[in-house]
Amino acid sequence: MSKSSPALAALPPESLDALQAMGLRLRARRQQRGLTLDELATRLFCSPTTLRALESGKPGTSLGLLAHALWLLGQLDSLQGVAPLDDAFAATSARKRVRRAAGAPAPGAIGEHERDF
């Protein structure tokens, strides 16, 4: 059964198209290496159905499974090209630390007054 969430349901068509194109590239790499769907699924420790979903660009498939598949196909370095930072931002953000005032709660923390229900 496929995963369903509001986030997946709200994906714009451009995102779905990009996922399908990525799935097609994975399938082409697998076939180029002479691997069957069952062989690669066994190496990924997943079912052939799950691998088929990844190769079809289904948005609910695991990012970890994608990374593992790319590693097995010798393409893990291609993840470095996903949402790259420009050099100026990368240099400054590496040194930048976000601080909050002493005693201030972490964002999203539930205060004691909110626990009384």
Protein backbone atom coordinates (compact mmCIF):
# COMPACT_ATOMS: atom_id res chain seq x y z
CA MET A 1 0.00 0.00 0.00
CA SER A 2 1.40 3.39 -0.92
CA LYS A 3 2.07 6.13 1.59
CA SER A 4 -0.29 9.08 1.56
CA SER A 5 0.15 12.47 3.15
CA PRO A 6 -0.95 16.03 2.50
CA ALA A 7 2.63 16.89 1.51
CA LEU A 8 2.70 14.19 -1.17
CA ALA A 9 -0.79 15.05 -2.38
CA ALA A 10 0.23 18.70 -2.79
CA LEU A 11 3.26 18.04 -5.01
CA PRO A 12 3.19 20.28 -8.08
CA PRO A 13 3.26 18.60 -11.50
CA GLU A 14 6.82 19.84 -12.09
CA SER A 15 8.01 17.94 -9.01
CA LEU A 16 6.25 14.78 -10.12
CA ASP A 17 7.79 15.12 -13.59
CA ALA A 18 11.27 15.50 -12.07
CA LEU A 19 10.76 12.38 -9.93
CA GLN A 20 9.59 10.38 -12.94
CA ALA A 21 12.61 11.52 -14.97
CA MET A 22 14.93 10.52 -12.10
CA GLY A 23 13.23 7.12 -11.94
CA LEU A 24 13.74 6.62 -15.66
CA ARG A 25 17.44 7.47 -15.29
CA LEU A 26 17.76 4.90 -12.48
CA ARG A 27 16.07 2.26 -14.61
CA ALA A 28 18.39 3.06 -17.52
CA ARG A 29 21.47 2.76 -15.25
CA ARG A 30 20.22 -0.58 -13.90
CA GLN A 31 19.64 -1.90 -17.41
CA GLN A 32 22.99 -0.52 -18.58
CA ARG A 33 24.65 -2.57 -15.83
CA GLY A 34 22.75 -5.66 -16.95
CA LEU A 35 20.84 -6.02 -13.68
CA THR A 36 17.28 -7.27 -13.54
CA LEU A 37 14.73 -5.59 -11.30
CA ASP A 38 14.78 -8.62 -8.97
CA GLU A 39 18.59 -8.64 -8.76
CA LEU A 40 18.84 -4.96 -7.82
CA ALA A 41 15.91 -5.26 -5.38
CA THR A 42 17.73 -8.12 -3.64
CA ARG A 43 20.90 -6.02 -3.37
CA LEU A 44 18.88 -3.08 -2.00
CA PHE A 45 17.12 -5.33 0.56
CA CYS A 46 13.72 -4.21 -0.74
CA SER A 47 10.91 -5.81 -2.67
CA PRO A 48 10.75 -5.61 -6.46
CA THR A 49 7.52 -3.63 -6.00
CA THR A 50 9.36 -0.98 -3.96
CA LEU A 51 12.15 -0.75 -6.54
CA ARG A 52 9.53 -0.50 -9.29
CA ALA A 53 7.95 2.42 -7.37
CA LEU A 54 11.36 4.14 -7.13
CA GLU A 55 11.96 3.66 -10.86
CA SER A 56 8.47 5.00 -11.58
CA GLY A 57 9.17 8.17 -9.62
CA LYS A 58 6.57 7.54 -6.92
CA PRO A 59 6.99 10.36 -4.37
CA GLY A 60 6.48 8.12 -1.31
CA THR A 61 9.59 5.99 -1.82
CA SER A 62 12.43 6.38 0.63
CA LEU A 63 15.23 8.86 0.11
CA GLY A 64 17.50 6.33 1.81
CA LEU A 65 16.56 3.74 -0.79
CA LEU A 66 17.39 6.24 -3.53
CA ALA A 67 20.82 6.91 -1.99
CA HIS A 68 21.48 3.16 -1.66
CA ALA A 69 20.46 2.55 -5.28
CA LEU A 70 22.71 5.37 -6.49
CA TRP A 71 25.59 3.91 -4.47
CA LEU A 72 25.07 0.43 -5.94
CA LEU A 73 24.95 1.89 -9.44
CA GLY A 74 28.11 3.95 -8.90
CA GLN A 75 26.22 7.26 -9.07
CA LEU A 76 26.22 8.43 -5.44
CA ASP A 77 28.24 11.53 -6.34
CA SER A 78 25.24 12.75 -8.34
CA LEU A 79 23.50 13.60 -5.04
CA GLN A 80 26.02 16.41 -4.60
CA GLY A 81 24.28 18.24 -7.43
CA VAL A 82 20.92 18.31 -5.60
CA ALA A 83 20.17 21.83 -4.34
CA PRO A 84 23.80 23.01 -4.41
CA LEU A 85 24.80 26.08 -2.42
CA ASP A 86 26.69 28.90 -4.05
CA ASP A 87 30.27 29.25 -2.81
CA ALA A 88 29.69 32.55 -0.97
CA PHE A 89 26.76 31.18 1.05
CA ALA A 90 28.50 27.89 1.81
CA ALA A 91 31.56 29.70 3.14
CA THR A 92 29.60 32.01 5.45
CA SER A 93 27.00 29.48 6.62
CA ALA A 94 29.67 27.03 7.75
CA ARG A 95 30.85 29.56 10.33
CA LYS A 96 27.45 30.97 11.23
CA ARG A 97 25.71 29.69 14.37
CA VAL A 98 22.15 30.37 15.31
CA ARG A 99 21.72 31.29 18.96
CA ARG A 100 18.68 31.87 21.08
CA ALA A 101 18.46 33.85 24.28
CA ALA A 102 19.49 32.07 27.46
CA GLY A 103 16.50 30.36 29.02
CA ALA A 104 14.40 30.71 25.87
CA PRO A 105 12.58 27.52 24.91
CA ALA A 106 13.46 25.73 21.73
CA PRO A 107 11.13 26.46 18.82
CA GLY A 108 8.11 24.18 19.02
CA ALA A 109 8.75 23.20 22.64
CA ILE A 110 5.67 22.60 24.77
CA GLY A 111 5.61 24.75 27.89
CA GLU A 112 4.42 23.55 31.30
CA HIS A 113 1.27 25.67 31.04
CA GLU A 114 0.37 23.80 27.83
CA ARG A 115 0.64 20.34 29.42
CA ASP A 116 -2.46 20.75 31.58
CA PHE A 117 -5.22 19.14 29.61
